[in-house]
């Protein structure tokens, strides 16, 4: 891998670390007989205000889609300044495409490597099980997905304690950037 490719992937990781969200979303689907089952999807999202340029860079390196968020509001919406200044843009990548994106940037993540690991594990499981949950015989599959969903959710809610533990144990991140900095 060339130096410029590594720099580009590290920049993408920085955007996701700082402004992004690595998530497993949970909804529900109904079988033909009307039984309700959980439905999961893994996604990586970055939302920025002002300009979509950094997101266009992400899309060029990692794929995905970009759209302007039209719904919702922000405290900045009431600004008297330039109306374009507070436009919100979203970059999103889902499922297998999100898995490939996370695999590319994983070693550069500093803040969210644990979230990426869970998301990668989740999506690899989805691929192995071909996304399907068929009735009651797949209760272990459903429970495994639910456990990963809850594990990622817990990490996000307990980020302060996770970050404190990480700072106590400097070797907890295998980011080459941190290793290079600490070696100097």
N, C-alpha and C. Protein backbone atom coordinates (compact mmCIF):
# COMPACT_ATOMS: atom_id res chain seq x y z
N UNK A 1 0.86 -1.18 0.00
CA UNK A 1 0.00 0.00 0.00
C UNK A 1 0.89 1.23 0.00
N UNK A 2 0.59 2.17 -0.89
CA UNK A 2 1.38 3.38 -0.99
C UNK A 2 1.14 4.35 0.15
N UNK A 3 2.09 5.25 0.33
CA UNK A 3 1.99 6.25 1.41
C UNK A 3 0.74 7.12 1.27
N UNK A 4 0.42 7.52 0.02
CA UNK A 4 -0.75 8.38 -0.18
C UNK A 4 -2.04 7.62 0.13
N UNK A 5 -2.09 6.32 -0.15
CA UNK A 5 -3.27 5.52 0.18
C UNK A 5 -3.42 5.40 1.69
N UNK A 6 -2.31 5.19 2.37
CA UNK A 6 -2.35 5.11 3.84
C UNK A 6 -2.81 6.42 4.46
N UNK A 7 -2.34 7.52 3.92
CA UNK A 7 -2.75 8.84 4.42
C UNK A 7 -4.25 9.04 4.18
N UNK A 8 -4.73 8.66 3.02
CA UNK A 8 -6.15 8.80 2.70
C UNK A 8 -7.00 7.95 3.65
N UNK A 9 -6.59 6.72 3.91
CA UNK A 9 -7.34 5.85 4.81
C UNK A 9 -7.30 6.39 6.25
N UNK A 10 -6.15 6.93 6.66
CA UNK A 10 -6.04 7.52 8.00
C UNK A 10 -6.95 8.75 8.13
N UNK A 11 -7.04 9.55 7.07
CA UNK A 11 -7.95 10.71 7.08
C UNK A 11 -9.40 10.24 7.22
N UNK A 12 -9.76 9.22 6.45
CA UNK A 12 -11.12 8.67 6.53
C UNK A 12 -11.41 8.17 7.95
N UNK A 13 -10.43 7.47 8.54
CA UNK A 13 -10.60 6.98 9.91
C UNK A 13 -10.78 8.13 10.88
N UNK A 14 -10.05 9.22 10.67
CA UNK A 14 -10.18 10.40 11.53
C UNK A 14 -11.57 11.01 11.45
N UNK A 15 -12.11 11.08 10.24
CA UNK A 15 -13.48 11.60 10.09
C UNK A 15 -14.48 10.72 10.82
N UNK A 16 -14.32 9.42 10.68
CA UNK A 16 -15.25 8.49 11.32
C UNK A 16 -15.05 8.51 12.84
N UNK A 17 -13.81 8.54 13.30
CA UNK A 17 -13.53 8.64 14.73
C UNK A 17 -14.16 9.90 15.33
N UNK A 18 -13.98 11.03 14.65
CA UNK A 18 -14.40 12.31 15.21
C UNK A 18 -15.85 12.68 14.98
N UNK A 19 -16.35 12.41 13.79
CA UNK A 19 -17.69 12.88 13.42
C UNK A 19 -18.65 11.77 13.06
N UNK A 20 -18.18 10.53 13.13
CA UNK A 20 -18.98 9.42 12.63
C UNK A 20 -19.65 8.59 13.68
N UNK A 21 -20.43 7.65 13.19
CA UNK A 21 -21.16 6.71 14.02
C UNK A 21 -21.05 5.33 13.39
N UNK A 22 -20.59 4.37 14.15
CA UNK A 22 -20.58 2.97 13.74
C UNK A 22 -21.73 2.34 14.50
N UNK A 23 -22.71 1.81 13.77
CA UNK A 23 -23.93 1.38 14.43
C UNK A 23 -24.47 0.08 13.86
N UNK A 24 -25.21 -0.61 14.71
CA UNK A 24 -26.06 -1.71 14.29
C UNK A 24 -27.47 -1.24 14.59
N UNK A 25 -28.26 -1.05 13.55
CA UNK A 25 -29.64 -0.60 13.73
C UNK A 25 -30.55 -1.81 13.82
N UNK A 26 -31.57 -1.69 14.64
CA UNK A 26 -32.50 -2.80 14.81
C UNK A 26 -33.91 -2.33 14.52
N UNK A 27 -34.58 -3.09 13.72
CA UNK A 27 -35.98 -2.85 13.42
C UNK A 27 -36.71 -4.18 13.48
N UNK A 28 -37.82 -4.26 12.82
CA UNK A 28 -38.59 -5.50 12.80
C UNK A 28 -39.14 -5.76 11.41
N UNK A 29 -39.33 -7.02 11.13
CA UNK A 29 -39.95 -7.45 9.89
C UNK A 29 -40.99 -8.50 10.25
N UNK A 30 -41.95 -8.71 9.38
CA UNK A 30 -43.00 -9.71 9.64
C UNK A 30 -42.90 -10.84 8.62
N UNK A 31 -43.12 -12.04 9.12
CA UNK A 31 -43.17 -13.19 8.22
C UNK A 31 -44.52 -13.19 7.50
N UNK A 32 -44.66 -14.07 6.54
CA UNK A 32 -45.94 -14.18 5.82
C UNK A 32 -47.09 -14.51 6.75
N UNK A 33 -46.78 -15.23 7.83
CA UNK A 33 -47.82 -15.59 8.79
C UNK A 33 -48.08 -14.47 9.81
N UNK A 34 -47.35 -13.36 9.67
CA UNK A 34 -47.59 -12.21 10.54
C UNK A 34 -46.74 -12.17 11.80
N UNK A 35 -45.83 -13.14 11.97
CA UNK A 35 -44.96 -13.16 13.14
C UNK A 35 -43.89 -12.09 12.98
N UNK A 36 -43.66 -11.33 14.04
CA UNK A 36 -42.70 -10.23 14.03
C UNK A 36 -41.33 -10.74 14.45
N UNK A 37 -40.28 -10.44 13.64
CA UNK A 37 -38.91 -10.83 13.92
C UNK A 37 -38.00 -9.60 13.88
N UNK A 38 -36.94 -9.63 14.69
CA UNK A 38 -35.99 -8.50 14.62
C UNK A 38 -35.22 -8.51 13.31
N UNK A 39 -34.91 -7.32 12.83
CA UNK A 39 -34.12 -7.16 11.60
C UNK A 39 -32.99 -6.21 11.95
N UNK A 40 -31.76 -6.56 11.58
CA UNK A 40 -30.59 -5.77 11.92
C UNK A 40 -29.87 -5.32 10.66
N UNK A 41 -29.23 -4.15 10.75
CA UNK A 41 -28.38 -3.68 9.67
C UNK A 41 -27.20 -2.91 10.28
N UNK A 42 -26.01 -3.19 9.77
CA UNK A 42 -24.82 -2.49 10.24
C UNK A 42 -24.55 -1.32 9.31
N UNK A 43 -24.20 -0.18 9.89
CA UNK A 43 -23.93 0.99 9.06
C UNK A 43 -22.87 1.89 9.70
N UNK A 44 -22.23 2.64 8.83
CA UNK A 44 -21.28 3.66 9.26
C UNK A 44 -21.78 4.96 8.65
N UNK A 45 -21.90 6.00 9.49
CA UNK A 45 -22.48 7.27 9.06
C UNK A 45 -21.60 8.42 9.56
N UNK A 46 -21.42 9.42 8.71
CA UNK A 46 -20.75 10.66 9.12
C UNK A 46 -21.66 11.80 8.68
N UNK A 47 -21.92 12.73 9.60
CA UNK A 47 -22.76 13.89 9.29
C UNK A 47 -21.97 15.16 9.57
N UNK A 48 -21.97 16.07 8.60
CA UNK A 48 -21.24 17.33 8.73
C UNK A 48 -22.13 18.49 8.29
N UNK A 49 -21.87 19.65 8.84
CA UNK A 49 -22.59 20.84 8.39
C UNK A 49 -21.67 21.67 7.50
N UNK A 50 -22.31 22.49 6.68
CA UNK A 50 -21.55 23.43 5.86
C UNK A 50 -21.24 22.94 4.47
N UNK A 51 -20.33 21.98 4.35
CA UNK A 51 -19.88 21.53 3.03
C UNK A 51 -19.81 20.00 2.98
N UNK A 52 -20.13 19.42 1.83
CA UNK A 52 -20.02 17.97 1.69
C UNK A 52 -18.63 17.50 1.24
N UNK A 53 -17.68 18.43 1.06
CA UNK A 53 -16.37 18.04 0.50
C UNK A 53 -15.66 16.92 1.25
N UNK A 54 -15.57 16.95 2.59
CA UNK A 54 -14.92 15.81 3.25
C UNK A 54 -15.67 14.49 3.02
N UNK A 55 -16.99 14.59 2.91
CA UNK A 55 -17.79 13.39 2.67
C UNK A 55 -17.58 12.86 1.25
N UNK A 56 -17.38 13.77 0.31
CA UNK A 56 -17.08 13.35 -1.06
C UNK A 56 -15.75 12.59 -1.09
N UNK A 57 -14.81 13.03 -0.26
CA UNK A 57 -13.53 12.32 -0.14
C UNK A 57 -13.77 10.91 0.41
N UNK A 58 -14.58 10.81 1.49
CA UNK A 58 -14.93 9.51 2.06
C UNK A 58 -15.55 8.60 0.99
N UNK A 59 -16.50 9.14 0.26
CA UNK A 59 -17.17 8.34 -0.77
C UNK A 59 -16.18 7.87 -1.83
N UNK A 60 -15.26 8.72 -2.21
CA UNK A 60 -14.26 8.35 -3.21
C UNK A 60 -13.34 7.24 -2.74
N UNK A 61 -13.05 7.19 -1.45
CA UNK A 61 -12.14 6.18 -0.90
C UNK A 61 -12.89 4.92 -0.45
N UNK A 62 -14.04 5.10 0.22
CA UNK A 62 -14.73 3.98 0.85
C UNK A 62 -16.07 3.62 0.22
N UNK A 63 -16.52 4.39 -0.77
CA UNK A 63 -17.84 4.11 -1.36
C UNK A 63 -18.93 4.74 -0.54
N UNK A 64 -20.14 4.25 -0.69
CA UNK A 64 -21.28 4.76 0.06
C UNK A 64 -22.05 5.82 -0.70
N UNK A 65 -22.94 6.49 0.00
CA UNK A 65 -23.77 7.53 -0.60
C UNK A 65 -23.67 8.80 0.24
N UNK A 66 -23.99 9.91 -0.39
CA UNK A 66 -24.05 11.21 0.29
C UNK A 66 -25.42 11.80 -0.01
N UNK A 67 -26.03 12.37 1.01
CA UNK A 67 -27.28 13.09 0.79
C UNK A 67 -27.36 14.26 1.76
N UNK A 68 -28.20 15.21 1.41
CA UNK A 68 -28.42 16.35 2.29
C UNK A 68 -29.58 16.03 3.21
N UNK A 69 -29.36 16.23 4.49
CA UNK A 69 -30.41 15.98 5.48
C UNK A 69 -31.34 17.18 5.50
N UNK A 70 -32.57 16.94 5.18
CA UNK A 70 -33.53 18.03 5.09
C UNK A 70 -34.41 18.13 6.34
N UNK A 71 -34.58 17.03 7.05
CA UNK A 71 -35.43 17.03 8.22
C UNK A 71 -34.62 17.33 9.46
N UNK A 72 -35.30 17.76 10.50
CA UNK A 72 -34.64 18.05 11.76
C UNK A 72 -34.20 19.50 11.81
N UNK A 73 -33.63 19.88 12.92
CA UNK A 73 -33.18 21.25 13.09
C UNK A 73 -31.97 21.24 14.01
N UNK A 74 -31.35 22.37 14.04
CA UNK A 74 -30.18 22.56 14.90
C UNK A 74 -30.30 23.93 15.53
N UNK A 75 -29.66 24.10 16.66
CA UNK A 75 -29.62 25.41 17.30
C UNK A 75 -29.05 26.43 16.32
N UNK A 76 -28.16 25.96 15.43
CA UNK A 76 -27.55 26.84 14.44
C UNK A 76 -28.52 27.23 13.33
N UNK A 77 -29.66 26.55 13.23
CA UNK A 77 -30.64 26.88 12.21
C UNK A 77 -31.17 28.30 12.38
N UNK A 78 -31.07 28.80 13.60
CA UNK A 78 -31.62 30.11 13.88
C UNK A 78 -30.61 31.23 13.70
N UNK A 79 -29.45 30.86 13.18
CA UNK A 79 -28.39 31.84 12.95
C UNK A 79 -28.85 32.89 11.94
N UNK A 80 -28.40 34.10 12.11
CA UNK A 80 -28.71 35.18 11.18
C UNK A 80 -27.77 35.18 9.98
N UNK A 81 -26.75 34.34 10.03
CA UNK A 81 -25.72 34.34 8.99
C UNK A 81 -26.15 33.63 7.72
N UNK A 82 -25.18 33.21 6.95
CA UNK A 82 -25.36 32.53 5.69
C UNK A 82 -26.18 31.26 5.88
N UNK A 83 -27.32 31.16 5.15
CA UNK A 83 -28.18 30.00 5.31
C UNK A 83 -27.49 28.72 4.86
N UNK A 84 -26.63 28.79 3.87
CA UNK A 84 -25.93 27.59 3.39
C UNK A 84 -24.94 27.07 4.43
N UNK A 85 -24.52 27.94 5.35
CA UNK A 85 -23.55 27.54 6.36
C UNK A 85 -24.07 26.40 7.23
N UNK A 86 -25.38 26.29 7.40
CA UNK A 86 -25.94 25.30 8.30
C UNK A 86 -26.65 24.17 7.57
N UNK A 87 -26.28 23.93 6.35
CA UNK A 87 -26.81 22.77 5.64
C UNK A 87 -26.09 21.53 6.18
N UNK A 88 -26.80 20.43 6.31
CA UNK A 88 -26.23 19.20 6.84
C UNK A 88 -26.15 18.15 5.76
N UNK A 89 -24.99 17.51 5.68
CA UNK A 89 -24.74 16.47 4.69
C UNK A 89 -24.38 15.18 5.41
N UNK A 90 -24.84 14.07 4.85
CA UNK A 90 -24.64 12.76 5.47
C UNK A 90 -23.98 11.84 4.46
N UNK A 91 -22.94 11.13 4.92
CA UNK A 91 -22.34 10.03 4.16
C UNK A 91 -22.71 8.76 4.90
N UNK A 92 -23.16 7.76 4.14
CA UNK A 92 -23.57 6.51 4.77
C UNK A 92 -23.15 5.33 3.92
N UNK A 93 -22.75 4.26 4.62
CA UNK A 93 -22.44 3.00 3.96
C UNK A 93 -23.03 1.90 4.85
N UNK A 94 -23.67 0.91 4.22
CA UNK A 94 -24.39 -0.13 4.96
C UNK A 94 -23.86 -1.53 4.66
N UNK A 95 -24.14 -2.43 5.57
CA UNK A 95 -23.99 -3.87 5.39
C UNK A 95 -22.59 -4.27 4.91
N UNK A 96 -22.52 -5.03 3.81
CA UNK A 96 -21.23 -5.54 3.33
C UNK A 96 -20.30 -4.42 2.90
N UNK A 97 -20.85 -3.36 2.33
CA UNK A 97 -20.01 -2.21 1.94
C UNK A 97 -19.42 -1.54 3.18
N UNK A 98 -20.19 -1.49 4.27
CA UNK A 98 -19.69 -0.95 5.54
C UNK A 98 -18.61 -1.86 6.11
N UNK A 99 -18.79 -3.16 5.97
CA UNK A 99 -17.78 -4.11 6.42
C UNK A 99 -16.45 -3.87 5.70
N UNK A 100 -16.49 -3.71 4.40
CA UNK A 100 -15.26 -3.48 3.63
C UNK A 100 -14.63 -2.14 4.01
N UNK A 101 -15.45 -1.12 4.22
CA UNK A 101 -14.93 0.19 4.63
C UNK A 101 -14.22 0.09 5.98
N UNK A 102 -14.85 -0.59 6.94
CA UNK A 102 -14.24 -0.72 8.27
C UNK A 102 -12.96 -1.54 8.24
N UNK A 103 -12.93 -2.57 7.42
CA UNK A 103 -11.70 -3.37 7.30
C UNK A 103 -10.54 -2.52 6.78
N UNK A 104 -10.84 -1.59 5.85
CA UNK A 104 -9.79 -0.74 5.29
C UNK A 104 -9.23 0.24 6.31
N UNK A 105 -10.09 0.77 7.18
CA UNK A 105 -9.65 1.84 8.09
C UNK A 105 -9.40 1.39 9.51
N UNK A 106 -9.71 0.16 9.84
CA UNK A 106 -9.65 -0.33 11.22
C UNK A 106 -8.33 -0.01 11.92
N UNK A 107 -7.21 -0.24 11.25
CA UNK A 107 -5.92 -0.04 11.93
C UNK A 107 -5.60 1.43 12.19
N UNK A 108 -6.36 2.34 11.59
CA UNK A 108 -6.12 3.77 11.80
C UNK A 108 -7.06 4.38 12.83
N UNK A 109 -8.08 3.65 13.26
CA UNK A 109 -9.02 4.18 14.25
C UNK A 109 -8.34 4.31 15.61
N UNK A 110 -8.58 5.43 16.26
CA UNK A 110 -8.01 5.69 17.58
C UNK A 110 -9.10 5.67 18.64
N UNK A 111 -10.25 6.26 18.36
CA UNK A 111 -11.34 6.38 19.31
C UNK A 111 -12.29 5.19 19.26
N UNK A 112 -12.57 4.67 18.08
CA UNK A 112 -13.63 3.68 17.91
C UNK A 112 -13.18 2.31 17.40
N UNK A 113 -11.97 1.85 17.74
CA UNK A 113 -11.58 0.53 17.22
C UNK A 113 -12.43 -0.60 17.80
N UNK A 114 -12.85 -0.47 19.06
CA UNK A 114 -13.68 -1.50 19.68
C UNK A 114 -15.06 -1.57 19.02
N UNK A 115 -15.61 -0.40 18.65
CA UNK A 115 -16.89 -0.38 17.94
C UNK A 115 -16.75 -1.03 16.56
N UNK A 116 -15.64 -0.73 15.89
CA UNK A 116 -15.41 -1.31 14.56
C UNK A 116 -15.27 -2.82 14.67
N UNK A 117 -14.59 -3.32 15.69
CA UNK A 117 -14.42 -4.76 15.85
C UNK A 117 -15.76 -5.47 16.01
N UNK A 118 -16.63 -4.90 16.82
CA UNK A 118 -17.96 -5.50 17.01
C UNK A 118 -18.76 -5.45 15.72
N UNK A 119 -18.72 -4.32 15.02
CA UNK A 119 -19.44 -4.19 13.76
C UNK A 119 -18.92 -5.17 12.71
N UNK A 120 -17.61 -5.34 12.66
CA UNK A 120 -17.01 -6.30 11.71
C UNK A 120 -17.45 -7.72 12.06
N UNK A 121 -17.40 -8.06 13.35
CA UNK A 121 -17.85 -9.38 13.79
C UNK A 121 -19.32 -9.60 13.42
N UNK A 122 -20.14 -8.58 13.66
CA UNK A 122 -21.57 -8.66 13.34
C UNK A 122 -21.79 -8.92 11.85
N UNK A 123 -21.14 -8.10 11.01
CA UNK A 123 -21.39 -8.22 9.58
C UNK A 123 -20.83 -9.53 9.01
N UNK A 124 -19.70 -10.00 9.54
CA UNK A 124 -19.19 -11.31 9.12
C UNK A 124 -20.20 -12.40 9.47
N UNK A 125 -20.82 -12.28 10.64
CA UNK A 125 -21.86 -13.24 11.04
C UNK A 125 -23.06 -13.15 10.09
N UNK A 126 -23.46 -11.95 9.73
CA UNK A 126 -24.59 -11.79 8.80
C UNK A 126 -24.28 -12.47 7.47
N UNK A 127 -23.05 -12.34 7.00
CA UNK A 127 -22.66 -12.98 5.73
C UNK A 127 -22.69 -14.50 5.86
N UNK A 128 -22.17 -15.02 6.98
CA UNK A 128 -22.13 -16.47 7.18
C UNK A 128 -23.53 -17.07 7.25
N UNK A 129 -24.46 -16.35 7.86
CA UNK A 129 -25.81 -16.87 8.04
C UNK A 129 -26.75 -16.40 6.93
N UNK A 130 -26.17 -15.78 5.92
CA UNK A 130 -26.92 -15.31 4.74
C UNK A 130 -28.10 -14.42 5.10
N UNK A 131 -27.94 -13.66 6.17
CA UNK A 131 -28.90 -12.64 6.60
C UNK A 131 -30.22 -13.19 7.11
N UNK A 132 -30.50 -14.43 6.90
CA UNK A 132 -31.83 -14.96 7.20
C UNK A 132 -31.96 -15.44 8.64
N UNK A 133 -33.11 -15.19 9.21
CA UNK A 133 -33.54 -15.82 10.45
C UNK A 133 -34.85 -16.51 10.10
N UNK A 134 -34.87 -17.83 10.20
CA UNK A 134 -36.05 -18.60 9.79
C UNK A 134 -36.75 -19.18 11.01
N UNK A 135 -37.78 -18.51 11.47
CA UNK A 135 -38.61 -19.05 12.53
C UNK A 135 -37.87 -19.31 13.84
N UNK A 136 -38.45 -20.17 14.65
CA UNK A 136 -37.93 -20.44 15.99
C UNK A 136 -36.64 -21.25 15.99
N UNK A 137 -36.33 -21.96 14.91
CA UNK A 137 -35.11 -22.76 14.91
C UNK A 137 -33.85 -21.89 14.89
N UNK A 138 -33.99 -20.62 14.57
CA UNK A 138 -32.84 -19.72 14.52
C UNK A 138 -32.75 -18.80 15.74
N UNK A 139 -33.29 -19.24 16.85
CA UNK A 139 -33.22 -18.43 18.07
C UNK A 139 -31.76 -18.14 18.46
N UNK A 140 -30.82 -19.11 18.38
CA UNK A 140 -29.42 -18.78 18.71
C UNK A 140 -28.84 -17.70 17.80
N UNK A 141 -29.20 -17.72 16.52
CA UNK A 141 -28.74 -16.69 15.58
C UNK A 141 -29.29 -15.33 15.98
N UNK A 142 -30.56 -15.29 16.28
CA UNK A 142 -31.21 -14.05 16.69
C UNK A 142 -30.58 -13.52 17.98
N UNK A 143 -30.32 -14.42 18.93
CA UNK A 143 -29.72 -14.01 20.20
C UNK A 143 -28.29 -13.50 20.00
N UNK A 144 -27.54 -14.15 19.12
CA UNK A 144 -26.17 -13.72 18.85
C UNK A 144 -26.17 -12.30 18.27
N UNK A 145 -27.03 -12.04 17.31
CA UNK A 145 -27.13 -10.71 16.71
C UNK A 145 -27.56 -9.68 17.75
N UNK A 146 -28.53 -10.05 18.56
CA UNK A 146 -29.02 -9.14 19.61
C UNK A 146 -27.91 -8.85 20.61
N UNK A 147 -27.12 -9.85 20.96
CA UNK A 147 -26.01 -9.64 21.89
C UNK A 147 -24.97 -8.67 21.33
N UNK A 148 -24.62 -8.81 20.04
CA UNK A 148 -23.68 -7.87 19.43
C UNK A 148 -24.28 -6.47 19.36
N UNK A 149 -25.55 -6.36 19.02
CA UNK A 149 -26.25 -5.07 18.99
C UNK A 149 -26.15 -4.42 20.37
N UNK A 150 -26.45 -5.18 21.42
CA UNK A 150 -26.40 -4.64 22.79
C UNK A 150 -24.98 -4.31 23.22
N UNK A 151 -24.03 -5.11 22.82
CA UNK A 151 -22.63 -4.86 23.17
C UNK A 151 -22.15 -3.53 22.57
N UNK A 152 -22.48 -3.29 21.30
CA UNK A 152 -22.10 -2.03 20.66
C UNK A 152 -22.81 -0.86 21.32
N UNK A 153 -24.09 -1.04 21.62
CA UNK A 153 -24.87 0.01 22.29
C UNK A 153 -24.27 0.33 23.66
N UNK A 154 -23.87 -0.70 24.40
CA UNK A 154 -23.26 -0.49 25.72
C UNK A 154 -21.95 0.27 25.63
N UNK A 155 -21.13 -0.05 24.64
CA UNK A 155 -19.86 0.66 24.45
C UNK A 155 -20.12 2.14 24.21
N UNK A 156 -21.11 2.44 23.38
CA UNK A 156 -21.42 3.84 23.08
C UNK A 156 -21.91 4.58 24.33
N UNK A 157 -22.74 3.93 25.14
CA UNK A 157 -23.26 4.57 26.34
C UNK A 157 -22.22 4.69 27.45
N UNK A 158 -21.24 3.83 27.41
CA UNK A 158 -20.19 3.85 28.44
C UNK A 158 -18.87 4.35 27.89
N UNK A 159 -18.91 5.16 26.84
CA UNK A 159 -17.69 5.60 26.17
C UNK A 159 -16.70 6.24 27.14
N UNK A 160 -17.18 7.04 28.07
CA UNK A 160 -16.27 7.71 29.01
C UNK A 160 -15.46 6.70 29.79
N UNK A 161 -16.10 5.65 30.28
CA UNK A 161 -15.35 4.65 31.04
C UNK A 161 -14.42 3.85 30.13
N UNK A 162 -14.84 3.58 28.90
CA UNK A 162 -13.99 2.87 27.96
C UNK A 162 -12.77 3.71 27.62
N UNK A 163 -12.95 5.02 27.39
CA UNK A 163 -11.83 5.89 27.08
C UNK A 163 -10.88 6.01 28.26
N UNK A 164 -11.40 6.03 29.48
CA UNK A 164 -10.55 6.10 30.66
C UNK A 164 -9.68 4.85 30.74
N UNK A 165 -10.27 3.68 30.53
CA UNK A 165 -9.51 2.43 30.55
C UNK A 165 -8.46 2.42 29.45
N UNK A 166 -8.81 2.96 28.27
CA UNK A 166 -7.86 3.00 27.16
C UNK A 166 -6.67 3.88 27.49
N UNK A 167 -6.90 5.01 28.16
CA UNK A 167 -5.79 5.91 28.47
C UNK A 167 -4.87 5.30 29.53
N UNK A 168 -5.43 4.45 30.40
CA UNK A 168 -4.60 3.78 31.40
C UNK A 168 -3.74 2.70 30.76
N UNK A 169 -4.23 2.11 29.68
CA UNK A 169 -3.51 1.04 29.00
C UNK A 169 -3.20 1.50 27.59
N UNK A 170 -2.05 2.13 27.40
CA UNK A 170 -1.71 2.74 26.12
C UNK A 170 -1.63 1.75 24.99
N UNK A 171 -1.38 0.50 25.26
CA UNK A 171 -1.26 -0.49 24.20
C UNK A 171 -2.60 -1.02 23.74
N UNK A 172 -3.72 -0.46 24.23
CA UNK A 172 -5.03 -0.97 23.87
C UNK A 172 -5.39 -0.68 22.42
N UNK A 173 -4.79 0.31 21.80
CA UNK A 173 -5.04 0.61 20.39
C UNK A 173 -3.83 0.18 19.58
N UNK A 174 -4.11 -0.48 18.45
CA UNK A 174 -3.01 -0.90 17.60
C UNK A 174 -2.86 0.04 16.42
N UNK A 175 -3.27 1.28 16.60
CA UNK A 175 -3.14 2.28 15.55
C UNK A 175 -1.68 2.54 15.23
N UNK A 176 -1.27 2.40 13.96
CA UNK A 176 0.13 2.66 13.61
C UNK A 176 0.52 4.11 13.86
N UNK A 177 -0.44 5.00 13.77
CA UNK A 177 -0.15 6.42 14.00
C UNK A 177 0.23 6.64 15.47
N UNK A 178 -0.54 6.05 16.39
CA UNK A 178 -0.21 6.19 17.82
C UNK A 178 1.12 5.53 18.14
N UNK A 179 1.39 4.38 17.56
CA UNK A 179 2.66 3.71 17.80
C UNK A 179 3.83 4.55 17.32
N UNK A 180 3.66 5.18 16.14
CA UNK A 180 4.73 6.02 15.59
C UNK A 180 4.97 7.24 16.46
N UNK A 181 3.90 7.86 16.93
CA UNK A 181 4.01 9.04 17.79
C UNK A 181 4.66 8.69 19.12
N UNK A 182 4.23 7.58 19.74
CA UNK A 182 4.77 7.22 21.04
C UNK A 182 6.21 6.73 20.95
N UNK A 183 6.65 6.28 19.77
CA UNK A 183 8.03 5.84 19.61
C UNK A 183 9.00 7.01 19.53
N UNK A 184 8.49 8.20 19.18
CA UNK A 184 9.36 9.37 19.01
C UNK A 184 9.70 10.01 20.33
